[in-house]
Every structure is written in structure tokens, then in C-alpha cells.
Amino acid sequence: MKDSFASSNSLKSKKMHIKKTLSLLGAAGFALSANAATVNVFNGVVTDLSGFDSVSGEVAVSGGFLSIQDTVTDGKPEALVDFGGNVLGGIKIELDYNFQNNGLTAVSDPEIRMRMGNSGTSPTSDSKNGFGLYLRNPTGTTLDDSQFRPAKWDGVSKMSSQSTITNIADGVWSSAEFYLNNSFSAMEYTVGSTVYTLAANTYTLWVDGAEVVTFGLGEDTADFDRDLGFGNLLFVGSSNSDAGVAVLLDNITVYTGVDSGITPVPEPSTYALLLGVMAIGFVLYRRRK
């Protein structure tokens, strides 16, 4: 009876030892996996210059680039591309831009507007849809610099700020990159060889390798549901008295990203550790038998 009790205690001790060993090894494997870098990698091209679904008004593809006029005519010129579905998480937009003087006057203050909205619901020039950016030129007859005026709807009114890019002349191309974090956690992105962190529900603009402005995404409106994600991209010229310029766009590319809150694919060393855990568990199991 005593031997039977001792044998039973020995078996229980072995079982507890096995559970403890597997628990510790499993935790170690999980910790290694969870501590892996979560840099946001952008891939999966959504569209390029040739992918616009609709082009109307004074918009033309000329010389391989898109020309959008700022005009006083009634119909706002626009170019729209729909992604075919909404994108959540990270989005990166690359484009080259250039201003072209089409008869600026002393009172001209022209702008081309960039909008993003939900798939299937076309944004407009005045949409309060969470992402707004005006490409402007200061009042006057000379194209000497460009201004970016990010805008958003805060639930009560439209908020905006303005940043100026100098040394921009008529006929000179510049490169812009937009990083949008349409998620509830911080996102990491890389410019050159440097990794940056972008807070949740914000976007940042870079021009010619320099950061220009970081701004928040807007609140939901009648024509935009932030939780659905972004599903289209619109460029539109304003229809007012500020005519006299065209914005030329080229190499427009939209990428989808991986939300940094998603656990990354484990490193090879993680797989090796997990295999080791399984092997030890099998040996302990055989010993128990």
C-alpha cells in the first residue's frame, strides 16, 4: 500500500514537472516571438497613374503625367481611383508633383485638392472625409513655392494648418510621400534607413526626403466612416475665382501596409525553439509512460 502511494506521488510529481517545464519553455518561445520587431512593411500596389477609374473636366493625361486644372468653369475637374475595397491599417501614397502657370493674376490663390473616402462613395472637393490636403500657391502671378494645407473634420468644424515648401519653381518636379495610420495603434514606417513612429489615426507628409507636417485624421461624417477604412483617392481642382494654375502629377502609387499591432511572422530561431519544446515534451511524455 505504501509502495503504491509512493508510486502515485512519484507519477504526480512527474506530471507536475512536465507541465511546469512545458509552461516555462512555451512562455520563453512566446516571449521571443512577441519581442520581434514590428516594423510596418508597405507592399501590394493598389494603383498607379494608369489606374484612374474616372477622369472629368479639365483633366488630361499629357506627356505621361496627369494634368489637373484649377478653373473658374462650373464643372470641377477631377480624377478618381477606387481601390475596389476599403483598406485598414497603414497606407502609403507616393507621387511626383509640379505646378504650371496657366495665367495667374494678382489675386490668384489657386489650389488643387486631394481627398480620400470610403470605397463606393466618391469624395468631393468639399468633403469632410477625414483626409484632406490642398496643394496651393501663394497669391500672385509667380509660382515660387508650394503650400500644403492639411484639413480634417473634428465633428464641429473643419480644421486646417499650413506648411510652405520653398524653392519650388514653375516646371520643377518634387516628390511627396504620405503615410496614413488608419488604425487604433501606433505604426512604424521607414524613410531612407530611419524608422519613424506614427501615432494612431494620424498621417504625415514628406517632400523631397524632409518631413513637412503631421496631422490627425478627421471624425466620421455623413459621407465618411473611419472604421471602414479608405477605399478611393480623388484629385480635384477648385471651381472659384482662384484660377490660373495646373498641378501636374506623375508616378502616383498607393500601397497597403501591415498594421504594426499585428504579431509578425516568427523568426527562424522562434521555430527552432518551438521544435525544441515539442521534442522535450515528447521525451518527457515517453519517460512518464
Protein backbone atom coordinates (compact mmCIF):
# COMPACT_ATOMS: atom_id res chain seq x y z
CA MET A 1 0.00 0.00 0.00
CA LYS A 2 2.84 2.28 0.95
CA ASP A 3 4.69 1.44 -2.27
CA SER A 4 1.53 2.10 -4.26
CA PHE A 5 1.11 5.52 -2.60
CA ALA A 6 4.76 6.37 -3.23
CA SER A 7 4.40 5.35 -6.85
CA SER A 8 1.30 7.52 -7.18
CA ASN A 9 3.09 10.52 -5.68
CA SER A 10 6.04 9.94 -7.99
CA LEU A 11 3.72 9.91 -11.01
CA LYS A 12 2.01 13.12 -9.87
CA SER A 13 5.41 14.73 -9.33
CA LYS A 14 6.49 13.78 -12.86
CA LYS A 15 3.26 15.17 -14.32
CA MET A 16 3.70 18.44 -12.44
CA HIS A 17 7.32 18.61 -13.56
CA ILE A 18 6.29 18.06 -17.19
CA LYS A 19 3.60 20.75 -17.02
CA LYS A 20 5.99 23.21 -15.37
CA THR A 21 8.75 22.51 -17.90
CA LEU A 22 6.43 22.87 -20.90
CA SER A 23 4.89 26.00 -19.40
CA LEU A 24 8.27 27.68 -18.93
CA LEU A 25 9.57 26.67 -22.34
CA GLY A 26 6.33 27.72 -24.01
CA ALA A 27 6.48 31.09 -22.29
CA ALA A 28 10.06 31.53 -23.46
CA GLY A 29 9.03 30.76 -27.03
CA PHE A 30 6.13 33.19 -26.84
CA ALA A 31 8.33 35.92 -25.40
CA LEU A 32 10.83 35.55 -28.22
CA SER A 33 8.10 35.77 -30.80
CA ALA A 34 6.32 38.70 -29.13
CA ASN A 35 9.51 40.73 -28.83
CA ALA A 36 10.28 40.54 -32.56
CA ALA A 37 10.39 43.86 -34.42
CA THR A 38 7.05 45.09 -35.78
CA VAL A 39 8.17 47.49 -38.48
CA ASN A 40 5.38 48.32 -40.89
CA VAL A 41 6.26 46.98 -44.35
CA PHE A 42 4.35 48.52 -47.24
CA ASN A 43 3.55 46.30 -50.18
CA GLY A 44 0.71 45.41 -52.52
CA VAL A 45 0.43 48.25 -55.01
CA VAL A 46 -3.19 49.43 -55.21
CA THR A 47 -2.94 51.69 -58.23
CA ASP A 48 -0.69 53.84 -60.37
CA LEU A 49 -1.16 56.67 -62.86
CA SER A 50 -2.92 54.43 -65.37
CA GLY A 51 -5.42 53.14 -62.83
CA PHE A 52 -7.85 56.05 -62.56
CA ASP A 53 -11.45 54.92 -62.91
CA SER A 54 -12.86 58.28 -63.93
CA VAL A 55 -11.40 61.50 -65.32
CA SER A 56 -13.65 64.51 -65.99
CA GLY A 57 -13.50 68.24 -66.54
CA GLU A 58 -10.22 69.93 -67.38
CA VAL A 59 -8.10 66.90 -66.62
CA ALA A 60 -5.81 65.27 -69.13
CA VAL A 61 -3.05 62.72 -69.31
CA SER A 62 -0.35 64.53 -71.24
CA GLY A 63 3.29 63.56 -71.65
CA GLY A 64 2.79 60.62 -69.32
CA PHE A 65 1.52 62.67 -66.37
CA LEU A 66 -1.85 63.79 -65.06
CA SER A 67 -2.70 67.48 -65.50
CA ILE A 68 -5.47 68.89 -63.28
CA GLN A 69 -6.61 72.45 -63.95
CA ASP A 70 -7.71 74.94 -61.34
CA THR A 71 -10.54 76.60 -63.22
CA VAL A 72 -13.47 79.00 -62.97
CA THR A 73 -15.75 76.75 -65.01
CA ASP A 74 -18.75 75.15 -63.35
CA GLY A 75 -17.72 71.51 -63.56
CA LYS A 76 -14.94 70.75 -61.11
CA PRO A 77 -12.20 68.79 -62.91
CA GLU A 78 -11.33 65.59 -61.10
CA ALA A 79 -9.53 62.27 -61.31
CA LEU A 80 -10.75 59.40 -59.14
CA VAL A 81 -9.48 55.91 -58.49
CA ASP A 82 -11.36 53.33 -56.43
CA PHE A 83 -9.31 50.62 -54.73
CA GLY A 84 -12.08 48.05 -55.13
CA GLY A 85 -12.47 47.77 -51.37
CA ASN A 86 -11.58 49.60 -48.18
CA VAL A 87 -8.07 49.46 -46.73
CA LEU A 88 -7.47 49.44 -42.98
CA GLY A 89 -4.17 49.84 -41.16
CA GLY A 90 -1.34 51.59 -42.95
CA ILE A 91 -1.42 53.30 -46.34
CA LYS A 92 1.47 54.88 -48.22
CA ILE A 93 0.96 57.24 -51.18
CA GLU A 94 3.83 58.27 -53.42
CA LEU A 95 3.59 60.91 -56.13
CA ASP A 96 5.64 63.47 -58.03
CA TYR A 97 4.08 66.91 -58.47
CA ASN A 98 4.73 70.13 -60.33
CA PHE A 99 2.88 73.44 -60.75
CA GLN A 100 2.28 75.01 -64.14
CA ASN A 101 1.41 78.69 -64.60
CA ASN A 102 -1.74 78.96 -66.71
CA GLY A 103 -2.38 82.68 -66.39
CA LEU A 104 -2.05 83.63 -62.74
CA THR A 105 -3.31 87.08 -61.80
CA ALA A 106 -2.52 89.36 -58.90
CA VAL A 107 -5.43 87.91 -56.91
CA SER A 108 -4.88 84.28 -57.81
CA ASP A 109 -4.64 81.88 -54.88
CA PRO A 110 -5.13 78.56 -56.66
CA GLU A 111 -5.29 75.11 -55.16
CA ILE A 112 -5.79 71.51 -56.13
CA ARG A 113 -7.45 69.34 -53.51
CA MET A 114 -6.64 65.76 -52.61
CA ARG A 115 -9.29 63.65 -50.92
CA MET A 116 -9.72 60.08 -49.71
CA GLY A 117 -13.01 58.38 -48.89
CA ASN A 118 -14.79 55.06 -48.42
CA SER A 119 -14.98 52.71 -51.37
CA GLY A 120 -18.12 53.23 -53.43
CA THR A 121 -18.72 56.74 -52.05
CA SER A 122 -16.93 59.32 -54.16
CA PRO A 123 -15.47 62.19 -52.14
CA THR A 124 -16.00 65.73 -53.41
CA SER A 125 -14.00 68.94 -53.33
CA ASP A 126 -15.67 69.95 -50.07
CA SER A 127 -15.95 66.52 -48.44
CA LYS A 128 -15.22 66.47 -44.73
CA ASN A 129 -13.99 62.92 -45.05
CA GLY A 130 -11.10 62.50 -42.67
CA PHE A 131 -8.25 63.22 -45.04
CA GLY A 132 -7.85 66.50 -46.87
CA LEU A 133 -4.86 68.18 -48.46
CA TYR A 134 -4.69 71.36 -50.52
CA LEU A 135 -1.79 71.94 -52.91
CA ARG A 136 -1.63 75.71 -53.08
CA ASN A 137 0.46 78.54 -54.48
CA PRO A 138 0.62 81.91 -52.69
CA THR A 139 -1.34 84.83 -54.11
CA GLY A 140 0.38 86.46 -57.05
CA THR A 141 1.47 85.95 -60.62
CA THR A 142 4.59 83.87 -59.95
CA LEU A 143 4.90 80.22 -59.00
CA ASP A 144 7.69 80.42 -56.44
CA ASP A 145 6.70 77.96 -53.73
CA SER A 146 4.01 75.44 -52.85
CA GLN A 147 1.86 75.17 -49.75
CA PHE A 148 0.29 72.07 -48.26
CA ARG A 149 -2.77 72.72 -46.14
CA PRO A 150 -3.89 69.55 -44.36
CA ALA A 151 -7.51 69.64 -43.27
CA LYS A 152 -9.83 67.46 -41.22
CA TRP A 153 -13.33 67.47 -39.76
CA ASP A 154 -13.28 67.46 -35.94
CA GLY A 155 -17.00 66.84 -35.53
CA VAL A 156 -17.89 70.54 -35.35
CA SER A 157 -15.87 72.37 -37.98
CA LYS A 158 -13.06 71.92 -40.45
CA MET A 159 -9.59 72.36 -39.01
CA SER A 160 -6.52 73.05 -41.11
CA SER A 161 -2.89 74.01 -40.88
CA GLN A 162 -0.45 75.23 -43.50
CA SER A 163 3.15 74.36 -44.32
CA THR A 164 5.21 76.03 -47.02
CA ILE A 165 7.75 74.34 -49.26
CA THR A 166 10.17 76.90 -50.68
CA ASN A 167 12.45 76.75 -53.71
CA ILE A 168 9.64 75.40 -55.86
CA ALA A 169 9.53 76.94 -59.32
CA ASP A 170 7.35 76.55 -62.39
CA GLY A 171 8.46 73.39 -64.17
CA VAL A 172 10.38 71.88 -61.24
CA TRP A 173 9.27 68.44 -60.03
CA SER A 174 9.17 67.40 -56.38
CA SER A 175 8.46 64.04 -54.77
CA ALA A 176 5.93 63.61 -51.98
CA GLU A 177 5.20 60.66 -49.69
CA PHE A 178 2.16 60.32 -47.43
CA TYR A 179 1.95 57.80 -44.60
CA LEU A 180 -1.54 57.27 -43.15
CA ASN A 181 -2.22 55.29 -40.00
CA ASN A 182 -5.91 54.44 -40.05
CA SER A 183 -5.78 52.16 -37.01
CA PHE A 184 -6.02 52.25 -33.22
CA SER A 185 -2.34 51.55 -32.52
CA ALA A 186 0.96 53.19 -33.40
CA MET A 187 2.58 52.31 -36.71
CA GLU A 188 6.23 52.28 -37.70
CA TYR A 189 7.39 53.31 -41.17
CA THR A 190 10.78 53.78 -42.80
CA VAL A 191 12.11 56.75 -44.76
CA GLY A 192 15.55 56.04 -46.14
CA SER A 193 17.16 53.91 -43.45
CA THR A 194 15.45 55.56 -40.48
CA VAL A 195 12.40 54.10 -38.73
CA TYR A 196 9.74 56.53 -37.50
CA THR A 197 6.63 56.04 -35.37
CA LEU A 198 3.25 57.41 -36.44
CA ALA A 199 0.50 57.67 -33.82
CA ALA A 200 -2.89 56.08 -34.34
CA ASN A 201 -5.34 57.94 -36.61
CA THR A 202 -2.77 60.37 -37.97
CA TYR A 203 -0.92 60.94 -41.22
CA THR A 204 2.36 62.56 -42.13
CA LEU A 205 3.68 64.22 -45.28
CA TRP A 206 7.26 64.16 -46.60
CA VAL A 207 8.51 66.21 -49.56
CA ASP A 208 11.89 65.54 -51.16
CA GLY A 209 13.01 63.50 -48.17
CA ALA A 210 12.07 66.05 -45.48
CA GLU A 211 9.11 65.81 -43.09
CA VAL A 212 6.65 68.66 -43.66
CA VAL A 213 3.67 68.14 -41.39
CA THR A 214 1.86 65.54 -39.28
CA PHE A 215 -1.89 65.87 -38.84
CA GLY A 216 -4.78 63.90 -37.38
CA LEU A 217 -7.46 62.07 -39.33
CA GLY A 218 -10.94 63.52 -39.12
CA GLU A 219 -14.03 62.24 -37.36
CA ASP A 220 -16.85 60.36 -39.07
CA THR A 221 -19.21 62.38 -41.24
CA ALA A 222 -22.25 61.70 -43.41
CA ASP A 223 -20.00 60.68 -46.30
CA PHE A 224 -17.13 59.04 -44.43
CA ASP A 225 -16.95 56.15 -41.95
CA ARG A 226 -13.46 55.97 -40.47
CA ASP A 227 -13.95 52.40 -39.23
CA LEU A 228 -14.44 51.19 -42.82
CA GLY A 229 -11.04 52.41 -43.95
CA PHE A 230 -10.05 54.25 -47.12
CA GLY A 231 -11.26 52.99 -50.47
CA ASN A 232 -10.62 55.71 -53.03
CA LEU A 233 -8.38 58.63 -53.89
CA LEU A 234 -9.54 61.84 -55.59
CA PHE A 235 -7.69 64.81 -57.03
CA VAL A 236 -9.94 67.76 -57.80
CA GLY A 237 -9.50 71.38 -58.90
CA SER A 238 -11.43 74.11 -57.13
CA SER A 239 -14.13 75.90 -59.10
CA ASN A 240 -13.78 79.50 -57.98
CA SER A 241 -12.06 82.76 -58.93
CA ASP A 242 -8.63 81.46 -57.97
CA ALA A 243 -7.90 80.06 -61.40
CA GLY A 244 -4.63 80.18 -63.25
CA VAL A 245 -2.63 77.09 -62.42
CA ALA A 246 -2.45 73.41 -63.21
CA VAL A 247 -0.96 70.74 -60.98
CA LEU A 248 0.91 68.01 -62.81
CA LEU A 249 1.02 64.61 -61.11
CA ASP A 250 3.14 61.63 -62.02
CA ASN A 251 4.16 58.23 -60.63
CA ILE A 252 1.11 58.08 -58.36
CA THR A 253 1.31 54.85 -56.39
CA VAL A 254 -0.74 53.68 -53.42
CA TYR A 255 0.50 50.88 -51.17
CA THR A 256 -1.26 48.97 -48.44
CA GLY A 257 0.59 48.23 -45.21
CA VAL A 258 0.55 45.83 -42.31
CA ASP A 259 -0.81 47.23 -39.05
CA SER A 260 2.04 47.28 -36.54
CA GLY A 261 -0.33 45.88 -33.93
CA ILE A 262 -0.40 42.55 -35.76
CA THR A 263 2.08 39.96 -34.45
CA PRO A 264 4.81 39.45 -37.05
CA VAL A 265 5.76 36.14 -38.61
CA PRO A 266 8.11 34.37 -36.15
CA GLU A 267 11.82 34.38 -36.85
CA PRO A 268 13.52 31.06 -37.82
CA SER A 269 15.01 30.93 -34.32
CA THR A 270 11.50 31.00 -32.90
CA TYR A 271 10.52 27.99 -34.99
CA ALA A 272 13.67 26.19 -33.79
CA LEU A 273 12.79 26.87 -30.17
CA LEU A 274 9.23 25.65 -30.64
CA LEU A 275 10.51 22.45 -32.24
CA GLY A 276 12.83 22.02 -29.25
CA VAL A 277 9.90 22.43 -26.88
CA MET A 278 7.97 19.76 -28.76
CA ALA A 279 10.95 17.38 -28.68
CA ILE A 280 11.48 17.81 -24.93
CA GLY A 281 7.79 17.34 -24.33
CA PHE A 282 7.82 14.11 -26.32
CA VAL A 283 10.82 12.76 -24.32
CA LEU A 284 9.18 13.63 -21.01
CA TYR A 285 5.97 12.02 -22.17
CA ARG A 286 7.82 8.79 -23.04
CA ARG A 287 9.55 8.79 -19.63
CA ARG A 288 6.23 9.20 -17.87
CA LYS A 289 4.93 6.10 -19.61
